[in-house]
């Protein structure tokens, strides 16, 4: 039998103030909220104070010679509506209609928020460090008359007086609209896939699992694909507005999807699990405090230990089977 993980944290079992703080830290999502606060603060500071790296460019580069669109198909405010407020409203309505527990409400919105802020933070960091010119850079820059056309020049030749319009011209990679939309709408897609159990399967061969997936409910599949289609359309609009090229939006979409899947899986079983519609019952560190099967033990997840085993109650099951032997 594997040793109990309840003794894996001596600090949590100690007495005094330090032990109390450690137990509180393990039993709650305090680390998640503190991390969220750091990310949010860092993102705000990046947006306000940091200017991007300015790559040199040439006036005869056709890749940055597209017109600057004054009216965007999906402006930033609309991106927030489509990728933040609309998915959040759907998540709240779905949880209320399913009579979800307080834990389910909690981790749904917490995971959603962390997905968005982490994606935004990473996108902003990469944008400023790479400093790739947008396709409409020359129109933004408005180079001074007499600027040589056949040599590399710097931002110093620009006559644009609007600070944001000018410096935002070097924030092309990756696309922030794409990463944000795939983070928000991607999380909604994963949530819907878990609630409808479209990928969930029980015991059986790989061929049986594949057949069940292929012959699954089409309406459920379309419901789960809908948010991803919306995110894809937002990403494509950035190419139509000449704010980004295909490379920018593809990497942005991949970044948003990767972060949102990681954030979702921190709180929910994998989508093929039979319990994919219910989140884990507590933070990962809680079992080190309360022990396997304690108040914060996680829900059963087939991916963690096979038939008859679970992440936190496996030892109890093994002991029960041992006691029943003749």
C-alpha atoms as a PDB file:
ATOM      1  CA  UNK A   1       0.000   0.000   0.000  1.00  0.00           C
ATOM      2  CA  UNK A   2       1.288   3.442  -0.853  1.00  0.00           C
ATOM      3  CA  UNK A   3       2.101   5.692   2.118  1.00  0.00           C
ATOM      4  CA  UNK A   4      -0.498   8.255   3.054  1.00  0.00           C
ATOM      5  CA  UNK A   5      -0.037  11.696   1.585  1.00  0.00           C
ATOM      6  CA  UNK A   6      -1.396  13.203   4.776  1.00  0.00           C
ATOM      7  CA  UNK A   7       2.153  13.207   6.171  1.00  0.00           C
ATOM      8  CA  UNK A   8       3.674  14.772   3.072  1.00  0.00           C
ATOM      9  CA  UNK A   9       3.631  18.266   4.602  1.00  0.00           C
ATOM     10  CA  UNK A  10       5.160  18.419   8.111  1.00  0.00           C
ATOM     11  CA  UNK A  11       4.529  22.162   8.217  1.00  0.00           C
ATOM     12  CA  UNK A  12       0.774  21.634   7.821  1.00  0.00           C
ATOM     13  CA  UNK A  13       0.667  19.289  10.812  1.00  0.00           C
ATOM     14  CA  UNK A  14       2.679  21.550  13.084  1.00  0.00           C
ATOM     15  CA  UNK A  15       1.103  23.739  15.740  1.00  0.00           C
ATOM     16  CA  UNK A  16       1.320  27.476  16.085  1.00  0.00           C
ATOM     17  CA  UNK A  17       0.722  30.359  13.721  1.00  0.00           C
ATOM     18  CA  UNK A  18       2.918  29.012  10.937  1.00  0.00           C
ATOM     19  CA  UNK A  19       1.089  25.695  10.931  1.00  0.00           C
ATOM     20  CA  UNK A  20      -2.286  27.427  10.894  1.00  0.00           C
ATOM     21  CA  UNK A  21      -1.242  29.548   7.937  1.00  0.00           C
ATOM     22  CA  UNK A  22       0.054  26.471   6.101  1.00  0.00           C
ATOM     23  CA  UNK A  23      -3.182  24.574   6.675  1.00  0.00           C
ATOM     24  CA  UNK A  24      -5.233  27.554   5.531  1.00  0.00           C
ATOM     25  CA  UNK A  25      -3.040  27.829   2.427  1.00  0.00           C
ATOM     26  CA  UNK A  26      -3.520  24.159   1.562  1.00  0.00           C
ATOM     27  CA  UNK A  27      -7.221  24.006   2.358  1.00  0.00           C
ATOM     28  CA  UNK A  28      -8.251  27.032   0.309  1.00  0.00           C
ATOM     29  CA  UNK A  29      -7.644  28.595  -3.090  1.00  0.00           C
ATOM     30  CA  UNK A  30      -5.624  31.414  -1.522  1.00  0.00           C
ATOM     31  CA  UNK A  31      -2.638  30.772  -3.797  1.00  0.00           C
ATOM     32  CA  UNK A  32      -4.878  30.989  -6.862  1.00  0.00           C
ATOM     33  CA  UNK A  33      -6.319  34.337  -5.805  1.00  0.00           C
ATOM     34  CA  UNK A  34      -2.911  35.735  -4.932  1.00  0.00           C
ATOM     35  CA  UNK A  35      -1.552  34.543  -8.262  1.00  0.00           C
ATOM     36  CA  UNK A  36      -4.503  36.106 -10.047  1.00  0.00           C
ATOM     37  CA  UNK A  37      -3.834  39.413  -8.265  1.00  0.00           C
ATOM     38  CA  UNK A  38      -0.169  39.365  -9.299  1.00  0.00           C
ATOM     39  CA  UNK A  39      -1.078  38.621 -12.907  1.00  0.00           C
ATOM     40  CA  UNK A  40      -3.710  41.351 -13.013  1.00  0.00           C
ATOM     41  CA  UNK A  41      -1.336  43.897 -11.486  1.00  0.00           C
ATOM     42  CA  UNK A  42       1.454  42.907 -13.847  1.00  0.00           C
ATOM     43  CA  UNK A  43      -0.834  43.155 -16.864  1.00  0.00           C
ATOM     44  CA  UNK A  44      -2.026  46.648 -15.884  1.00  0.00           C
ATOM     45  CA  UNK A  45       1.552  47.820 -15.365  1.00  0.00           C
ATOM     46  CA  UNK A  46       2.595  46.419 -18.751  1.00  0.00           C
ATOM     47  CA  UNK A  47      -0.231  48.189 -20.539  1.00  0.00           C
ATOM     48  CA  UNK A  48       0.383  51.539 -18.843  1.00  0.00           C
ATOM     49  CA  UNK A  49       4.159  51.810 -18.634  1.00  0.00           C
ATOM     50  CA  UNK A  50       5.837  49.481 -21.141  1.00  0.00           C
ATOM     51  CA  UNK A  51       6.547  50.402 -24.754  1.00  0.00           C
ATOM     52  CA  UNK A  52       7.399  47.648 -27.231  1.00  0.00           C
ATOM     53  CA  UNK A  53      10.739  46.894 -28.785  1.00  0.00           C
ATOM     54  CA  UNK A  54      10.885  48.775 -32.103  1.00  0.00           C
ATOM     55  CA  UNK A  55      12.237  46.642 -34.899  1.00  0.00           C
ATOM     56  CA  UNK A  56      13.851  48.398 -37.808  1.00  0.00           C
ATOM     57  CA  UNK A  57      11.841  48.476 -41.013  1.00  0.00           C
ATOM     58  CA  UNK A  58      12.021  49.535 -44.657  1.00  0.00           C
ATOM     59  CA  UNK A  59       9.667  51.843 -46.534  1.00  0.00           C
ATOM     60  CA  UNK A  60       9.542  49.499 -49.521  1.00  0.00           C
ATOM     61  CA  UNK A  61       8.403  46.492 -47.453  1.00  0.00           C
ATOM     62  CA  UNK A  62       4.984  45.588 -48.861  1.00  0.00           C
ATOM     63  CA  UNK A  63       4.167  43.430 -45.850  1.00  0.00           C
ATOM     64  CA  UNK A  64       3.755  46.538 -43.671  1.00  0.00           C
ATOM     65  CA  UNK A  65       2.220  48.779 -46.341  1.00  0.00           C
ATOM     66  CA  UNK A  66      -1.481  48.028 -45.780  1.00  0.00           C
ATOM     67  CA  UNK A  67      -3.887  50.834 -44.830  1.00  0.00           C
ATOM     68  CA  UNK A  68      -4.662  51.532 -41.195  1.00  0.00           C
ATOM     69  CA  UNK A  69      -8.335  50.743 -40.541  1.00  0.00           C
ATOM     70  CA  UNK A  70      -9.909  53.406 -38.363  1.00  0.00           C
ATOM     71  CA  UNK A  71     -13.015  51.264 -37.758  1.00  0.00           C
ATOM     72  CA  UNK A  72     -12.336  47.662 -36.732  1.00  0.00           C
ATOM     73  CA  UNK A  73     -14.690  44.782 -37.352  1.00  0.00           C
ATOM     74  CA  UNK A  74     -14.235  43.619 -33.755  1.00  0.00           C
ATOM     75  CA  UNK A  75     -12.981  46.520 -31.611  1.00  0.00           C
ATOM     76  CA  UNK A  76     -11.496  45.836 -28.199  1.00  0.00           C
ATOM     77  CA  UNK A  77     -14.740  46.566 -26.370  1.00  0.00           C
ATOM     78  CA  UNK A  78     -16.584  44.025 -28.516  1.00  0.00           C
ATOM     79  CA  UNK A  79     -13.850  41.469 -27.906  1.00  0.00           C
ATOM     80  CA  UNK A  80     -14.475  41.833 -24.172  1.00  0.00           C
ATOM     81  CA  UNK A  81     -18.192  41.353 -24.745  1.00  0.00           C
ATOM     82  CA  UNK A  82     -17.753  38.252 -26.928  1.00  0.00           C
ATOM     83  CA  UNK A  83     -14.935  36.571 -24.992  1.00  0.00           C
ATOM     84  CA  UNK A  84     -15.563  37.711 -21.410  1.00  0.00           C
ATOM     85  CA  UNK A  85     -19.076  38.878 -20.588  1.00  0.00           C
ATOM     86  CA  UNK A  86     -21.033  36.586 -22.924  1.00  0.00           C
ATOM     87  CA  UNK A  87     -19.239  33.352 -21.887  1.00  0.00           C
ATOM     88  CA  UNK A  88     -19.442  34.370 -18.230  1.00  0.00           C
ATOM     89  CA  UNK A  89     -23.189  34.928 -18.525  1.00  0.00           C
ATOM     90  CA  UNK A  90     -23.618  31.511 -20.168  1.00  0.00           C
ATOM     91  CA  UNK A  91     -21.529  29.833 -17.451  1.00  0.00           C
ATOM     92  CA  UNK A  92     -23.628  31.432 -14.722  1.00  0.00           C
ATOM     93  CA  UNK A  93     -26.920  30.541 -16.400  1.00  0.00           C
ATOM     94  CA  UNK A  94     -25.786  26.960 -17.022  1.00  0.00           C
ATOM     95  CA  UNK A  95     -24.681  26.442 -13.429  1.00  0.00           C
ATOM     96  CA  UNK A  96     -27.901  27.921 -12.093  1.00  0.00           C
ATOM     97  CA  UNK A  97     -30.023  25.768 -14.383  1.00  0.00           C
ATOM     98  CA  UNK A  98     -28.103  22.658 -13.301  1.00  0.00           C
ATOM     99  CA  UNK A  99     -28.493  23.547  -9.608  1.00  0.00           C
ATOM    100  CA  UNK A 100     -24.720  23.448  -9.294  1.00  0.00           C
ATOM    101  CA  UNK A 101     -23.028  23.266  -5.919  1.00  0.00           C
ATOM    102  CA  UNK A 102     -21.163  26.247  -4.530  1.00  0.00           C
ATOM    103  CA  UNK A 103     -17.880  24.468  -5.316  1.00  0.00           C
ATOM    104  CA  UNK A 104     -18.893  24.087  -8.943  1.00  0.00           C
ATOM    105  CA  UNK A 105     -19.818  27.760  -9.174  1.00  0.00           C
ATOM    106  CA  UNK A 106     -16.556  28.711  -7.501  1.00  0.00           C
ATOM    107  CA  UNK A 107     -14.081  26.787  -9.637  1.00  0.00           C
ATOM    108  CA  UNK A 108     -15.955  27.538 -12.868  1.00  0.00           C
ATOM    109  CA  UNK A 109     -15.573  31.285 -12.509  1.00  0.00           C
ATOM    110  CA  UNK A 110     -12.128  31.102 -10.906  1.00  0.00           C
ATOM    111  CA  UNK A 111     -10.745  28.934 -13.701  1.00  0.00           C
ATOM    112  CA  UNK A 112     -12.351  31.174 -16.306  1.00  0.00           C
ATOM    113  CA  UNK A 113     -10.827  34.314 -14.765  1.00  0.00           C
ATOM    114  CA  UNK A 114      -7.356  32.796 -14.450  1.00  0.00           C
ATOM    115  CA  UNK A 115      -7.495  31.640 -18.062  1.00  0.00           C
ATOM    116  CA  UNK A 116      -8.223  35.151 -19.311  1.00  0.00           C
ATOM    117  CA  UNK A 117      -5.757  37.055 -17.159  1.00  0.00           C
ATOM    118  CA  UNK A 118      -2.880  34.612 -17.680  1.00  0.00           C
ATOM    119  CA  UNK A 119      -3.449  34.657 -21.430  1.00  0.00           C
ATOM    120  CA  UNK A 120      -3.571  38.458 -21.474  1.00  0.00           C
ATOM    121  CA  UNK A 121      -0.405  38.738 -19.389  1.00  0.00           C
ATOM    122  CA  UNK A 122       1.589  36.312 -21.543  1.00  0.00           C
ATOM    123  CA  UNK A 123       0.343  37.931 -24.744  1.00  0.00           C
ATOM    124  CA  UNK A 124       1.364  41.401 -23.573  1.00  0.00           C
ATOM    125  CA  UNK A 125       4.817  40.226 -22.500  1.00  0.00           C
ATOM    126  CA  UNK A 126       5.486  38.521 -25.820  1.00  0.00           C
ATOM    127  CA  UNK A 127       4.117  41.436 -27.837  1.00  0.00           C
ATOM    128  CA  UNK A 128       6.445  43.942 -26.187  1.00  0.00           C
ATOM    129  CA  UNK A 129       9.514  41.721 -26.328  1.00  0.00           C
ATOM    130  CA  UNK A 130       9.138  40.653 -29.967  1.00  0.00           C
ATOM    131  CA  UNK A 131       8.188  44.088 -31.300  1.00  0.00           C
ATOM    132  CA  UNK A 132       7.017  42.811 -34.655  1.00  0.00           C
ATOM    133  CA  UNK A 133       5.617  45.515 -37.004  1.00  0.00           C
ATOM    134  CA  UNK A 134       1.937  45.305 -37.884  1.00  0.00           C
ATOM    135  CA  UNK A 135       0.846  45.056 -41.527  1.00  0.00           C
ATOM    136  CA  UNK A 136      -0.334  48.698 -41.343  1.00  0.00           C
ATOM    137  CA  UNK A 137       2.842  50.086 -39.749  1.00  0.00           C
ATOM    138  CA  UNK A 138       3.779  52.551 -42.503  1.00  0.00           C
ATOM    139  CA  UNK A 139       0.337  54.138 -42.433  1.00  0.00           C
ATOM    140  CA  UNK A 140       0.621  54.496 -38.672  1.00  0.00           C
ATOM    141  CA  UNK A 141       4.192  55.752 -38.780  1.00  0.00           C
ATOM    142  CA  UNK A 142       3.779  58.424 -41.483  1.00  0.00           C
ATOM    143  CA  UNK A 143       7.509  58.601 -42.310  1.00  0.00           C
ATOM    144  CA  UNK A 144       9.054  62.021 -42.723  1.00  0.00           C
ATOM    145  CA  UNK A 145       9.597  63.272 -46.276  1.00  0.00           C
ATOM    146  CA  UNK A 146      12.986  62.333 -47.650  1.00  0.00           C
ATOM    147  CA  UNK A 147      13.234  59.082 -45.670  1.00  0.00           C
ATOM    148  CA  UNK A 148      15.368  56.659 -47.720  1.00  0.00           C
ATOM    149  CA  UNK A 149      13.307  53.826 -49.177  1.00  0.00           C
ATOM    150  CA  UNK A 150      15.945  51.173 -49.734  1.00  0.00           C
ATOM    151  CA  UNK A 151      17.511  50.942 -46.311  1.00  0.00           C
ATOM    152  CA  UNK A 152      16.457  49.997 -42.808  1.00  0.00           C
ATOM    153  CA  UNK A 153      15.207  52.867 -40.670  1.00  0.00           C
ATOM    154  CA  UNK A 154      14.072  53.239 -37.076  1.00  0.00           C
ATOM    155  CA  UNK A 155      11.038  54.642 -35.298  1.00  0.00           C
ATOM    156  CA  UNK A 156      12.775  58.034 -35.318  1.00  0.00           C
ATOM    157  CA  UNK A 157      11.612  58.689 -38.903  1.00  0.00           C
ATOM    158  CA  UNK A 158       7.938  58.552 -37.876  1.00  0.00           C
ATOM    159  CA  UNK A 159       5.945  61.763 -37.622  1.00  0.00           C
ATOM    160  CA  UNK A 160       2.864  60.237 -36.001  1.00  0.00           C
ATOM    161  CA  UNK A 161       1.922  62.268 -32.937  1.00  0.00           C
ATOM    162  CA  UNK A 162      -0.561  59.876 -31.364  1.00  0.00           C
ATOM    163  CA  UNK A 163       1.494  57.818 -28.907  1.00  0.00           C
ATOM    164  CA  UNK A 164      -0.753  54.744 -28.821  1.00  0.00           C
ATOM    165  CA  UNK A 165      -1.306  54.592 -32.590  1.00  0.00           C
ATOM    166  CA  UNK A 166       2.427  54.753 -33.234  1.00  0.00           C
ATOM    167  CA  UNK A 167       3.797  52.367 -30.632  1.00  0.00           C
ATOM    168  CA  UNK A 168       0.952  49.871 -31.044  1.00  0.00           C
ATOM    169  CA  UNK A 169       2.277  49.398 -34.570  1.00  0.00           C
ATOM    170  CA  UNK A 170       5.032  47.199 -33.098  1.00  0.00           C
ATOM    171  CA  UNK A 171       2.693  44.888 -31.190  1.00  0.00           C
ATOM    172  CA  UNK A 172       1.716  42.523 -33.977  1.00  0.00           C
ATOM    173  CA  UNK A 173       2.896  39.170 -32.586  1.00  0.00           C
ATOM    174  CA  UNK A 174       0.897  37.411 -31.255  1.00  0.00           C
ATOM    175  CA  UNK A 175      -2.658  38.615 -31.808  1.00  0.00           C
ATOM    176  CA  UNK A 176      -4.239  39.709 -28.537  1.00  0.00           C
ATOM    177  CA  UNK A 177      -7.774  39.460 -29.909  1.00  0.00           C
ATOM    178  CA  UNK A 178      -7.100  35.869 -30.974  1.00  0.00           C
ATOM    179  CA  UNK A 179      -5.519  34.728 -27.717  1.00  0.00           C
ATOM    180  CA  UNK A 180      -8.173  36.435 -25.582  1.00  0.00           C
ATOM    181  CA  UNK A 181     -11.084  35.074 -27.595  1.00  0.00           C
ATOM    182  CA  UNK A 182      -9.751  31.510 -27.548  1.00  0.00           C
ATOM    183  CA  UNK A 183      -9.091  31.804 -23.808  1.00  0.00           C
ATOM    184  CA  UNK A 184     -12.628  32.949 -22.990  1.00  0.00           C
ATOM    185  CA  UNK A 185     -14.670  31.136 -25.614  1.00  0.00           C
ATOM    186  CA  UNK A 186     -12.337  28.130 -25.462  1.00  0.00           C
ATOM    187  CA  UNK A 187     -13.024  27.742 -21.751  1.00  0.00           C
ATOM    188  CA  UNK A 188     -16.753  27.874 -22.466  1.00  0.00           C
ATOM    189  CA  UNK A 189     -16.336  25.167 -25.110  1.00  0.00           C
ATOM    190  CA  UNK A 190     -14.489  22.907 -22.650  1.00  0.00           C
ATOM    191  CA  UNK A 191     -17.129  23.522 -19.994  1.00  0.00           C
ATOM    192  CA  UNK A 192     -19.947  22.611 -22.379  1.00  0.00           C
ATOM    193  CA  UNK A 193     -18.083  19.496 -23.512  1.00  0.00           C
ATOM    194  CA  UNK A 194     -17.748  18.413 -19.900  1.00  0.00           C
ATOM    195  CA  UNK A 195     -21.373  19.065 -19.020  1.00  0.00           C
ATOM    196  CA  UNK A 196     -22.716  17.265 -22.098  1.00  0.00           C
ATOM    197  CA  UNK A 197     -20.172  14.405 -21.690  1.00  0.00           C
ATOM    198  CA  UNK A 198     -19.604  14.332 -25.416  1.00  0.00           C
ATOM    199  CA  UNK A 199     -16.144  12.766 -24.999  1.00  0.00           C
ATOM    200  CA  UNK A 200     -16.957  10.701 -21.917  1.00  0.00           C
ATOM    201  CA  UNK A 201     -16.731   6.945 -22.243  1.00  0.00           C
ATOM    202  CA  UNK A 202     -16.675   3.942 -19.978  1.00  0.00           C
ATOM    203  CA  UNK A 203     -14.600   0.759 -20.167  1.00  0.00           C
ATOM    204  CA  UNK A 204     -13.968  -0.645 -23.598  1.00  0.00           C
ATOM    205  CA  UNK A 205     -11.494  -0.915 -26.436  1.00  0.00           C
ATOM    206  CA  UNK A 206     -10.059   1.972 -28.378  1.00  0.00           C
ATOM    207  CA  UNK A 207     -12.233   1.044 -31.358  1.00  0.00           C
ATOM    208  CA  UNK A 208     -15.361   1.202 -29.185  1.00  0.00           C
ATOM    209  CA  UNK A 209     -14.374   4.590 -27.791  1.00  0.00           C
ATOM    210  CA  UNK A 210     -13.687   5.898 -31.298  1.00  0.00           C
ATOM    211  CA  UNK A 211     -17.023   4.640 -32.577  1.00  0.00           C
ATOM    212  CA  UNK A 212     -18.856   6.281 -29.689  1.00  0.00           C
ATOM    213  CA  UNK A 213     -17.097   9.564 -30.385  1.00  0.00           C
ATOM    214  CA  UNK A 214     -17.760   9.480 -34.132  1.00  0.00           C
ATOM    215  CA  UNK A 215     -21.404   8.489 -33.694  1.00  0.00           C
ATOM    216  CA  UNK A 216     -21.998  10.956 -30.860  1.00  0.00           C
ATOM    217  CA  UNK A 217     -24.822  13.448 -30.625  1.00  0.00           C
ATOM    218  CA  UNK A 218     -24.367  15.993 -33.422  1.00  0.00           C
ATOM    219  CA  UNK A 219     -26.307  18.706 -31.615  1.00  0.00           C
ATOM    220  CA  UNK A 220     -24.060  18.394 -28.571  1.00  0.00           C
ATOM    221  CA  UNK A 221     -20.988  18.546 -30.801  1.00  0.00           C
ATOM    222  CA  UNK A 222     -22.220  21.705 -32.512  1.00  0.00           C
ATOM    223  CA  UNK A 223     -23.023  23.245 -29.149  1.00  0.00           C
ATOM    224  CA  UNK A 224     -19.444  22.697 -28.006  1.00  0.00           C
ATOM    225  CA  UNK A 225     -17.934  23.840 -31.322  1.00  0.00           C
ATOM    226  CA  UNK A 226     -19.991  27.041 -31.410  1.00  0.00           C
ATOM    227  CA  UNK A 227     -17.723  29.038 -29.058  1.00  0.00           C
ATOM    228  CA  UNK A 228     -14.617  27.919 -30.959  1.00  0.00           C
ATOM    229  CA  UNK A 229     -16.193  29.009 -34.230  1.00  0.00           C
ATOM    230  CA  UNK A 230     -16.886  32.420 -32.716  1.00  0.00           C
ATOM    231  CA  UNK A 231     -13.276  32.697 -31.535  1.00  0.00           C
ATOM    232  CA  UNK A 232     -12.057  31.730 -34.995  1.00  0.00           C
ATOM    233  CA  UNK A 233     -14.176  34.420 -36.619  1.00  0.00           C
ATOM    234  CA  UNK A 234     -12.766  37.038 -34.248  1.00  0.00           C
ATOM    235  CA  UNK A 235      -9.234  35.911 -35.130  1.00  0.00           C
ATOM    236  CA  UNK A 236      -9.941  36.077 -38.863  1.00  0.00           C
ATOM    237  CA  UNK A 237     -11.304  39.616 -38.515  1.00  0.00           C
ATOM    238  CA  UNK A 238      -7.853  40.754 -37.393  1.00  0.00           C
ATOM    239  CA  UNK A 239      -6.444  39.727 -40.768  1.00  0.00           C
ATOM    240  CA  UNK A 240      -9.308  41.468 -42.555  1.00  0.00           C
ATOM    241  CA  UNK A 241      -8.514  44.706 -40.707  1.00  0.00           C
ATOM    242  CA  UNK A 242      -4.798  44.335 -41.549  1.00  0.00           C
ATOM    243  CA  UNK A 243      -3.931  44.399 -37.858  1.00  0.00           C
ATOM    244  CA  UNK A 244      -2.223  40.992 -38.067  1.00  0.00           C
ATOM    245  CA  UNK A 245      -1.175  38.332 -40.535  1.00  0.00           C
ATOM    246  CA  UNK A 246      -2.073  34.649 -40.407  1.00  0.00           C
ATOM    247  CA  UNK A 247       1.000  33.774 -38.363  1.00  0.00           C
ATOM    248  CA  UNK A 248       0.042  36.266 -35.645  1.00  0.00           C
ATOM    249  CA  UNK A 249      -3.526  35.038 -35.247  1.00  0.00           C
ATOM    250  CA  UNK A 250      -2.624  31.332 -35.383  1.00  0.00           C
ATOM    251  CA  UNK A 251      -0.029  31.636 -32.628  1.00  0.00           C
ATOM    252  CA  UNK A 252      -2.385  33.842 -30.613  1.00  0.00           C
ATOM    253  CA  UNK A 253      -5.159  31.269 -30.926  1.00  0.00           C
ATOM    254  CA  UNK A 254      -2.798  28.453 -29.935  1.00  0.00           C
ATOM    255  CA  UNK A 255      -1.597  30.426 -26.920  1.00  0.00           C
ATOM    256  CA  UNK A 256      -5.148  31.164 -25.748  1.00  0.00           C
ATOM    257  CA  UNK A 257      -6.292  27.567 -26.230  1.00  0.00           C
ATOM    258  CA  UNK A 258      -3.263  26.105 -24.439  1.00  0.00           C
ATOM    259  CA  UNK A 259      -3.654  28.369 -21.426  1.00  0.00           C
ATOM    260  CA  UNK A 260      -7.405  27.833 -21.155  1.00  0.00           C
ATOM    261  CA  UNK A 261      -7.062  24.039 -21.363  1.00  0.00           C
ATOM    262  CA  UNK A 262      -4.413  24.117 -18.639  1.00  0.00           C
ATOM    263  CA  UNK A 263      -6.605  26.366 -16.481  1.00  0.00           C
ATOM    264  CA  UNK A 264      -9.669  24.166 -17.038  1.00  0.00           C
ATOM    265  CA  UNK A 265      -7.831  20.961 -16.137  1.00  0.00           C
ATOM    266  CA  UNK A 266      -6.612  22.430 -12.846  1.00  0.00           C
ATOM    267  CA  UNK A 267     -10.185  22.201 -11.560  1.00  0.00           C
ATOM    268  CA  UNK A 268     -11.933  19.606 -13.726  1.00  0.00           C
ATOM    269  CA  UNK A 269     -11.282  15.965 -14.732  1.00  0.00           C
ATOM    270  CA  UNK A 270     -10.388  15.194 -18.316  1.00  0.00           C
ATOM    271  CA  UNK A 271     -13.258  15.209 -20.790  1.00  0.00           C
ATOM    272  CA  UNK A 272     -13.145  11.439 -21.309  1.00  0.00           C
ATOM    273  CA  UNK A 273     -13.733  10.831 -17.603  1.00  0.00           C
ATOM    274  CA  UNK A 274     -17.087   9.549 -16.438  1.00  0.00           C
ATOM    275  CA  UNK A 275     -17.141  12.390 -13.899  1.00  0.00           C
ATOM    276  CA  UNK A 276     -16.183  15.172 -16.304  1.00  0.00           C
ATOM    277  CA  UNK A 277     -19.360  17.099 -15.438  1.00  0.00           C
ATOM    278  CA  UNK A 278     -18.259  17.601 -11.816  1.00  0.00           C
ATOM    279  CA  UNK A 279     -15.146  19.524 -10.718  1.00  0.00           C
ATOM    280  CA  UNK A 280     -12.577  18.347  -8.230  1.00  0.00           C
ATOM    281  CA  UNK A 281     -13.902  18.905  -4.718  1.00  0.00           C
ATOM    282  CA  UNK A 282     -10.998  20.943  -3.376  1.00  0.00           C
ATOM    283  CA  UNK A 283      -7.520  22.361  -3.952  1.00  0.00           C
ATOM    284  CA  UNK A 284      -4.668  19.895  -4.620  1.00  0.00           C
ATOM    285  CA  UNK A 285      -2.936  20.644  -1.315  1.00  0.00           C
ATOM    286  CA  UNK A 286      -5.999  19.899   0.787  1.00  0.00           C
ATOM    287  CA  UNK A 287      -5.422  16.132   0.854  1.00  0.00           C
ATOM    288  CA  UNK A 288      -2.052  16.721   2.501  1.00  0.00           C
ATOM    289  CA  UNK A 289      -3.952  18.336   5.398  1.00  0.00           C
ATOM    290  CA  UNK A 290      -7.142  16.299   5.693  1.00  0.00           C
ATOM    291  CA  UNK A 291      -5.835  13.011   4.342  1.00  0.00           C
ATOM    292  CA  UNK A 292      -7.301  10.753   1.651  1.00  0.00           C
ATOM    293  CA  UNK A 293     -11.068  10.936   1.539  1.00  0.00           C
ATOM    294  CA  UNK A 294     -11.126  13.999   3.802  1.00  0.00           C
ATOM    295  CA  UNK A 295     -13.426  16.961   3.509  1.00  0.00           C
ATOM    296  CA  UNK A 296     -11.426  18.285   0.594  1.00  0.00           C
ATOM    297  CA  UNK A 297     -10.911  14.957  -1.173  1.00  0.00           C
ATOM    298  CA  UNK A 298     -11.328  15.103  -4.920  1.00  0.00           C
ATOM    299  CA  UNK A 299     -14.061  13.443  -6.907  1.00  0.00           C
ATOM    300  CA  UNK A 300     -13.357  10.121  -8.490  1.00  0.00           C
ATOM    301  CA  UNK A 301     -11.494  10.400 -11.776  1.00  0.00           C
ATOM    302  CA  UNK A 302     -10.875   7.281 -13.841  1.00  0.00           C
ATOM    303  CA  UNK A 303      -7.797   8.807 -15.421  1.00  0.00           C
ATOM    304  CA  UNK A 304      -5.924   8.753 -12.127  1.00  0.00           C
ATOM    305  CA  UNK A 305      -5.948   5.114 -11.156  1.00  0.00           C
ATOM    306  CA  UNK A 306      -8.050   2.822 -13.314  1.00  0.00           C
ATOM    307  CA  UNK A 307     -11.178   0.913 -12.336  1.00  0.00           C
ATOM    308  CA  UNK A 308     -11.997   1.042  -8.649  1.00  0.00           C
ATOM    309  CA  UNK A 309      -9.320   3.606  -7.867  1.00  0.00           C
ATOM    310  CA  UNK A 310      -9.444   7.336  -7.343  1.00  0.00           C
ATOM    311  CA  UNK A 311      -7.011  10.146  -6.700  1.00  0.00           C
ATOM    312  CA  UNK A 312      -7.653  10.409  -2.979  1.00  0.00           C
ATOM    313  CA  UNK A 313      -9.630   7.357  -1.909  1.00  0.00           C
ATOM    314  CA  UNK A 314      -7.512   4.687  -3.556  1.00  0.00           C
ATOM    315  CA  UNK A 315      -5.900   3.574  -0.335  1.00  0.00           C
ATOM    316  CA  UNK A 316      -9.269   3.188   1.385  1.00  0.00           C
ATOM    317  CA  UNK A 317     -10.499   0.975  -1.439  1.00  0.00           C
ATOM    318  CA  UNK A 318      -7.350  -1.132  -1.328  1.00  0.00           C
ATOM    319  CA  UNK A 319      -7.689  -1.590   2.426  1.00  0.00           C
ATOM    320  CA  UNK A 320     -11.353  -2.559   2.083  1.00  0.00           C
ATOM    321  CA  UNK A 321     -10.532  -5.171  -0.533  1.00  0.00           C
ATOM    322  CA  UNK A 322      -7.758  -6.534   1.696  1.00  0.00           C
ATOM    323  CA  UNK A 323     -10.108  -6.886   4.698  1.00  0.00           C
ATOM    324  CA  UNK A 324     -12.700  -8.766   2.623  1.00  0.00           C
ATOM    325  CA  UNK A 325     -10.251 -11.460   1.612  1.00  0.00           C
ATOM    326  CA  UNK A 326     -10.776 -14.846   3.340  1.00  0.00           C
END
